[in-house]
Amino acid sequence: MVRPHKPLINIFGITAALIVAFGLVVAAVVPAKALDNKTCFKTSNAASLRGVTWVSDLNPAAKITFGPDGVGGNDSCNAFGGNYKVVGNILTFDRIIMTMRFCYENQATQRAFGRMFNSRNRFTVHHLFGGKRRLIVEPLGSGAGSPITFTTGIGKHPKNPNDGVER
């Protein structure tokens, strides 16, 4: 099994990485772009959720931020806040409060967030080469819906390229 580890050096677009192959450690030099968006390792704990703004891959995009005392964000139309709990790799939400604006073009995103808030969710955080992270939240139970993927890192929000939002 070949498994890349975190890059050691990134100079002039070249990344030196260690590769473990059949129990042997081999040094490899690969272009930095080849490792971008590739998973370095995975976690499922509350600490891996906190401290960043997660931007969904839904259209239009929504944002969620987990803090030590609660969760907040915007489902692309309405602001929300409340509590969350992590037990193992299960994420649940409680006492979510939300504004009640009507946004016709954002209904699919709003429904996806509603299912996430009202379900037990399995989650995984993928720590990617290049410093970004990917969060996959999979609602559990019948009729729970499709997984929602979020990303974070420095970048621009896809809806407004001039707003400088972290993702």
C-alpha atoms as a PDB file:
ATOM      1  CA  MET A   1       0.000   0.000   0.000  1.00  0.00           C
ATOM      2  CA  VAL A   2       1.364   3.424  -0.942  1.00  0.00           C
ATOM      3  CA  ARG A   3       0.316   6.193   1.415  1.00  0.00           C
ATOM      4  CA  PRO A   4       1.565   9.787   1.097  1.00  0.00           C
ATOM      5  CA  HIS A   5       2.285  11.759   4.254  1.00  0.00           C
ATOM      6  CA  LYS A   6       2.286  15.515   4.784  1.00  0.00           C
ATOM      7  CA  PRO A   7       4.650  17.376   2.435  1.00  0.00           C
ATOM      8  CA  LEU A   8       7.963  18.237   4.013  1.00  0.00           C
ATOM      9  CA  ILE A   9       8.992  21.136   1.799  1.00  0.00           C
ATOM     10  CA  ASN A  10       7.233  23.258  -0.822  1.00  0.00           C
ATOM     11  CA  ILE A  11       9.714  25.428  -2.741  1.00  0.00           C
ATOM     12  CA  PHE A  12       9.057  26.944  -6.159  1.00  0.00           C
ATOM     13  CA  GLY A  13       6.022  24.697  -6.716  1.00  0.00           C
ATOM     14  CA  ILE A  14       7.922  21.493  -5.970  1.00  0.00           C
ATOM     15  CA  THR A  15       6.914  19.394  -2.958  1.00  0.00           C
ATOM     16  CA  ALA A  16       9.173  16.856  -1.306  1.00  0.00           C
ATOM     17  CA  ALA A  17       7.029  14.130   0.254  1.00  0.00           C
ATOM     18  CA  LEU A  18       7.655  10.893   2.077  1.00  0.00           C
ATOM     19  CA  ILE A  19       5.967   7.803   0.713  1.00  0.00           C
ATOM     20  CA  VAL A  20       5.630   4.590   2.697  1.00  0.00           C
ATOM     21  CA  ALA A  21       5.694   1.633   0.322  1.00  0.00           C
ATOM     22  CA  PHE A  22       5.774  -1.929   1.650  1.00  0.00           C
ATOM     23  CA  GLY A  23       7.262  -0.758   4.938  1.00  0.00           C
ATOM     24  CA  LEU A  24      10.075   1.230   3.283  1.00  0.00           C
ATOM     25  CA  VAL A  25      10.292   4.995   3.481  1.00  0.00           C
ATOM     26  CA  VAL A  26      11.062   6.534   0.112  1.00  0.00           C
ATOM     27  CA  ALA A  27      11.566  10.236  -0.588  1.00  0.00           C
ATOM     28  CA  ALA A  28       9.768  11.557  -3.630  1.00  0.00           C
ATOM     29  CA  VAL A  29       9.681  14.923  -5.315  1.00  0.00           C
ATOM     30  CA  VAL A  30       6.419  15.770  -7.062  1.00  0.00           C
ATOM     31  CA  PRO A  31       4.887  18.985  -8.370  1.00  0.00           C
ATOM     32  CA  ALA A  32       2.918  20.707  -5.571  1.00  0.00           C
ATOM     33  CA  LYS A  33      -0.200  20.906  -7.753  1.00  0.00           C
ATOM     34  CA  ALA A  34      -0.287  17.098  -8.023  1.00  0.00           C
ATOM     35  CA  LEU A  35      -1.017  16.865  -4.281  1.00  0.00           C
ATOM     36  CA  ASP A  36      -3.544  19.724  -4.031  1.00  0.00           C
ATOM     37  CA  ASN A  37      -6.976  18.524  -2.887  1.00  0.00           C
ATOM     38  CA  LYS A  38      -5.636  15.029  -2.105  1.00  0.00           C
ATOM     39  CA  THR A  39      -6.396  13.680   1.373  1.00  0.00           C
ATOM     40  CA  CYS A  40      -3.418  13.580   3.713  1.00  0.00           C
ATOM     41  CA  PHE A  41      -5.356  12.158   6.701  1.00  0.00           C
ATOM     42  CA  LYS A  42      -8.904  12.046   8.135  1.00  0.00           C
ATOM     43  CA  THR A  43     -10.361  12.938  11.542  1.00  0.00           C
ATOM     44  CA  SER A  44     -13.785  12.836  13.166  1.00  0.00           C
ATOM     45  CA  ASN A  45     -13.677  14.933  16.319  1.00  0.00           C
ATOM     46  CA  ALA A  46     -15.099  18.250  17.514  1.00  0.00           C
ATOM     47  CA  ALA A  47     -11.690  19.972  17.477  1.00  0.00           C
ATOM     48  CA  SER A  48     -11.296  19.330  13.733  1.00  0.00           C
ATOM     49  CA  LEU A  49     -14.567  21.230  13.072  1.00  0.00           C
ATOM     50  CA  ARG A  50     -13.738  24.368  15.038  1.00  0.00           C
ATOM     51  CA  GLY A  51     -12.012  27.613  14.207  1.00  0.00           C
ATOM     52  CA  VAL A  52     -12.798  27.954  10.496  1.00  0.00           C
ATOM     53  CA  THR A  53     -15.710  28.891   8.269  1.00  0.00           C
ATOM     54  CA  TRP A  54     -16.895  25.943   6.179  1.00  0.00           C
ATOM     55  CA  VAL A  55     -18.404  26.763   2.759  1.00  0.00           C
ATOM     56  CA  SER A  56     -20.758  24.204   1.191  1.00  0.00           C
ATOM     57  CA  ASP A  57     -20.561  22.894  -2.348  1.00  0.00           C
ATOM     58  CA  LEU A  58     -24.309  23.506  -2.691  1.00  0.00           C
ATOM     59  CA  ASN A  59     -25.566  26.034  -5.206  1.00  0.00           C
ATOM     60  CA  PRO A  60     -25.912  28.668  -3.864  1.00  0.00           C
ATOM     61  CA  ALA A  61     -23.197  28.097  -1.268  1.00  0.00           C
ATOM     62  CA  ALA A  62     -23.939  28.190   2.452  1.00  0.00           C
ATOM     63  CA  LYS A  63     -21.570  28.777   5.387  1.00  0.00           C
ATOM     64  CA  ILE A  64     -21.282  27.176   8.824  1.00  0.00           C
ATOM     65  CA  THR A  65     -18.867  27.847  11.700  1.00  0.00           C
ATOM     66  CA  PHE A  66     -18.423  25.587  14.740  1.00  0.00           C
ATOM     67  CA  GLY A  67     -17.204  27.194  17.947  1.00  0.00           C
ATOM     68  CA  PRO A  68     -16.594  25.864  21.450  1.00  0.00           C
ATOM     69  CA  ASP A  69     -20.002  27.145  22.594  1.00  0.00           C
ATOM     70  CA  GLY A  70     -22.185  26.620  19.524  1.00  0.00           C
ATOM     71  CA  VAL A  71     -22.676  26.754  15.795  1.00  0.00           C
ATOM     72  CA  GLY A  72     -23.673  29.591  13.472  1.00  0.00           C
ATOM     73  CA  GLY A  73     -23.826  30.493   9.834  1.00  0.00           C
ATOM     74  CA  ASN A  74     -26.041  31.178   6.853  1.00  0.00           C
ATOM     75  CA  ASP A  75     -27.916  28.632   4.726  1.00  0.00           C
ATOM     76  CA  SER A  76     -27.580  30.958   1.683  1.00  0.00           C
ATOM     77  CA  CYS A  77     -30.718  32.845   2.739  1.00  0.00           C
ATOM     78  CA  ASN A  78     -31.267  32.719   6.508  1.00  0.00           C
ATOM     79  CA  ALA A  79     -28.835  33.207   9.375  1.00  0.00           C
ATOM     80  CA  PHE A  80     -28.862  30.486  12.043  1.00  0.00           C
ATOM     81  CA  GLY A  81     -27.308  29.649  15.378  1.00  0.00           C
ATOM     82  CA  GLY A  82     -27.614  26.976  18.025  1.00  0.00           C
ATOM     83  CA  ASN A  83     -25.929  24.066  19.732  1.00  0.00           C
ATOM     84  CA  TYR A  84     -24.180  20.983  18.397  1.00  0.00           C
ATOM     85  CA  LYS A  85     -22.833  17.800  19.900  1.00  0.00           C
ATOM     86  CA  VAL A  86     -20.164  15.396  18.672  1.00  0.00           C
ATOM     87  CA  VAL A  87     -20.020  11.797  19.928  1.00  0.00           C
ATOM     88  CA  GLY A  88     -17.462   9.744  18.008  1.00  0.00           C
ATOM     89  CA  ASN A  89     -18.123  10.511  14.347  1.00  0.00           C
ATOM     90  CA  ILE A  90     -21.783  11.484  14.921  1.00  0.00           C
ATOM     91  CA  LEU A  91     -22.786  15.151  14.745  1.00  0.00           C
ATOM     92  CA  THR A  92     -26.184  16.354  16.015  1.00  0.00           C
ATOM     93  CA  PHE A  93     -27.691  19.831  16.263  1.00  0.00           C
ATOM     94  CA  ASP A  94     -29.986  21.161  18.985  1.00  0.00           C
ATOM     95  CA  ARG A  95     -31.961  24.352  19.601  1.00  0.00           C
ATOM     96  CA  ILE A  96     -31.263  25.818  16.185  1.00  0.00           C
ATOM     97  CA  ILE A  97     -32.769  29.279  15.767  1.00  0.00           C
ATOM     98  CA  MET A  98     -33.070  30.793  12.322  1.00  0.00           C
ATOM     99  CA  THR A  99     -34.365  33.879  10.572  1.00  0.00           C
ATOM    100  CA  MET A 100     -37.413  33.208   8.378  1.00  0.00           C
ATOM    101  CA  ARG A 101     -36.749  35.010   5.089  1.00  0.00           C
ATOM    102  CA  PHE A 102     -38.148  33.521   1.884  1.00  0.00           C
ATOM    103  CA  CYS A 103     -35.583  33.062  -0.887  1.00  0.00           C
ATOM    104  CA  TYR A 104     -37.070  31.240  -3.845  1.00  0.00           C
ATOM    105  CA  GLU A 105     -33.768  30.483  -5.611  1.00  0.00           C
ATOM    106  CA  ASN A 106     -32.173  29.035  -2.431  1.00  0.00           C
ATOM    107  CA  GLN A 107     -34.783  26.434  -1.476  1.00  0.00           C
ATOM    108  CA  ALA A 108     -32.676  23.344  -2.305  1.00  0.00           C
ATOM    109  CA  THR A 109     -29.845  24.587  -0.068  1.00  0.00           C
ATOM    110  CA  GLN A 110     -32.311  25.461   2.703  1.00  0.00           C
ATOM    111  CA  ARG A 111     -33.903  21.969   2.529  1.00  0.00           C
ATOM    112  CA  ALA A 112     -30.468  20.292   2.679  1.00  0.00           C
ATOM    113  CA  PHE A 113     -29.542  22.287   5.792  1.00  0.00           C
ATOM    114  CA  GLY A 114     -32.950  21.542   7.362  1.00  0.00           C
ATOM    115  CA  ARG A 115     -32.350  17.791   6.898  1.00  0.00           C
ATOM    116  CA  MET A 116     -28.865  18.142   8.373  1.00  0.00           C
ATOM    117  CA  PHE A 117     -30.184  20.049  11.421  1.00  0.00           C
ATOM    118  CA  ASN A 118     -32.967  17.494  12.038  1.00  0.00           C
ATOM    119  CA  SER A 119     -30.879  14.311  11.608  1.00  0.00           C
ATOM    120  CA  ARG A 120     -28.076  12.454  13.260  1.00  0.00           C
ATOM    121  CA  ASN A 121     -25.123  12.977  10.912  1.00  0.00           C
ATOM    122  CA  ARG A 122     -21.973  10.984  10.276  1.00  0.00           C
ATOM    123  CA  PHE A 123     -19.075  13.343   9.560  1.00  0.00           C
ATOM    124  CA  THR A 124     -15.466  13.141   8.416  1.00  0.00           C
ATOM    125  CA  VAL A 125     -12.876  15.896   8.062  1.00  0.00           C
ATOM    126  CA  HIS A 126     -10.326  15.292   5.300  1.00  0.00           C
ATOM    127  CA  HIS A 127      -7.098  17.215   5.899  1.00  0.00           C
ATOM    128  CA  LEU A 128      -5.751  17.946   2.421  1.00  0.00           C
ATOM    129  CA  PHE A 129      -2.273  18.648   1.130  1.00  0.00           C
ATOM    130  CA  GLY A 130      -1.941  22.390   0.654  1.00  0.00           C
ATOM    131  CA  GLY A 131      -3.558  23.194   4.025  1.00  0.00           C
ATOM    132  CA  LYS A 132      -7.223  23.023   3.042  1.00  0.00           C
ATOM    133  CA  ARG A 133      -9.799  20.791   4.697  1.00  0.00           C
ATOM    134  CA  ARG A 134     -12.933  19.067   3.405  1.00  0.00           C
ATOM    135  CA  LEU A 135     -15.896  18.275   5.693  1.00  0.00           C
ATOM    136  CA  ILE A 136     -18.408  15.637   4.612  1.00  0.00           C
ATOM    137  CA  VAL A 137     -21.668  15.561   6.594  1.00  0.00           C
ATOM    138  CA  GLU A 138     -23.911  12.581   5.846  1.00  0.00           C
ATOM    139  CA  PRO A 139     -27.428  12.707   7.357  1.00  0.00           C
ATOM    140  CA  LEU A 140     -28.484   9.290   8.676  1.00  0.00           C
ATOM    141  CA  GLY A 141     -31.926   7.657   8.645  1.00  0.00           C
ATOM    142  CA  SER A 142     -34.650   7.188   6.078  1.00  0.00           C
ATOM    143  CA  GLY A 143     -35.267  10.238   3.900  1.00  0.00           C
ATOM    144  CA  ALA A 144     -32.262  12.020   5.393  1.00  0.00           C
ATOM    145  CA  GLY A 145     -30.915  13.172   2.021  1.00  0.00           C
ATOM    146  CA  SER A 146     -27.535  13.315   0.340  1.00  0.00           C
ATOM    147  CA  PRO A 147     -24.231  14.153   2.051  1.00  0.00           C
ATOM    148  CA  ILE A 148     -23.178  17.804   2.096  1.00  0.00           C
ATOM    149  CA  THR A 149     -19.536  18.629   1.332  1.00  0.00           C
ATOM    150  CA  PHE A 150     -17.890  21.737   2.781  1.00  0.00           C
ATOM    151  CA  THR A 151     -14.396  23.099   2.176  1.00  0.00           C
ATOM    152  CA  THR A 152     -12.184  25.578   3.959  1.00  0.00           C
ATOM    153  CA  GLY A 153      -8.962  27.416   3.220  1.00  0.00           C
ATOM    154  CA  ILE A 154      -8.139  30.810   1.816  1.00  0.00           C
ATOM    155  CA  GLY A 155     -10.216  31.552  -1.233  1.00  0.00           C
ATOM    156  CA  LYS A 156     -13.122  33.479  -2.629  1.00  0.00           C
ATOM    157  CA  HIS A 157     -16.786  32.664  -2.167  1.00  0.00           C
ATOM    158  CA  PRO A 158     -18.065  31.332  -5.514  1.00  0.00           C
ATOM    159  CA  LYS A 159     -21.167  33.555  -5.552  1.00  0.00           C
ATOM    160  CA  ASN A 160     -19.293  36.861  -5.165  1.00  0.00           C
ATOM    161  CA  PRO A 161     -15.616  36.776  -6.180  1.00  0.00           C
ATOM    162  CA  ASN A 162     -14.984  40.180  -4.575  1.00  0.00           C
ATOM    163  CA  ASP A 163     -16.141  39.523  -1.010  1.00  0.00           C
ATOM    164  CA  GLY A 164     -12.950  37.864   0.341  1.00  0.00           C
ATOM    165  CA  VAL A 165     -14.783  35.182   2.343  1.00  0.00           C
ATOM    166  CA  GLU A 166     -12.633  32.383   3.787  1.00  0.00           C
ATOM    167  CA  ARG A 167     -13.492  28.940   2.563  1.00  0.00           C
END
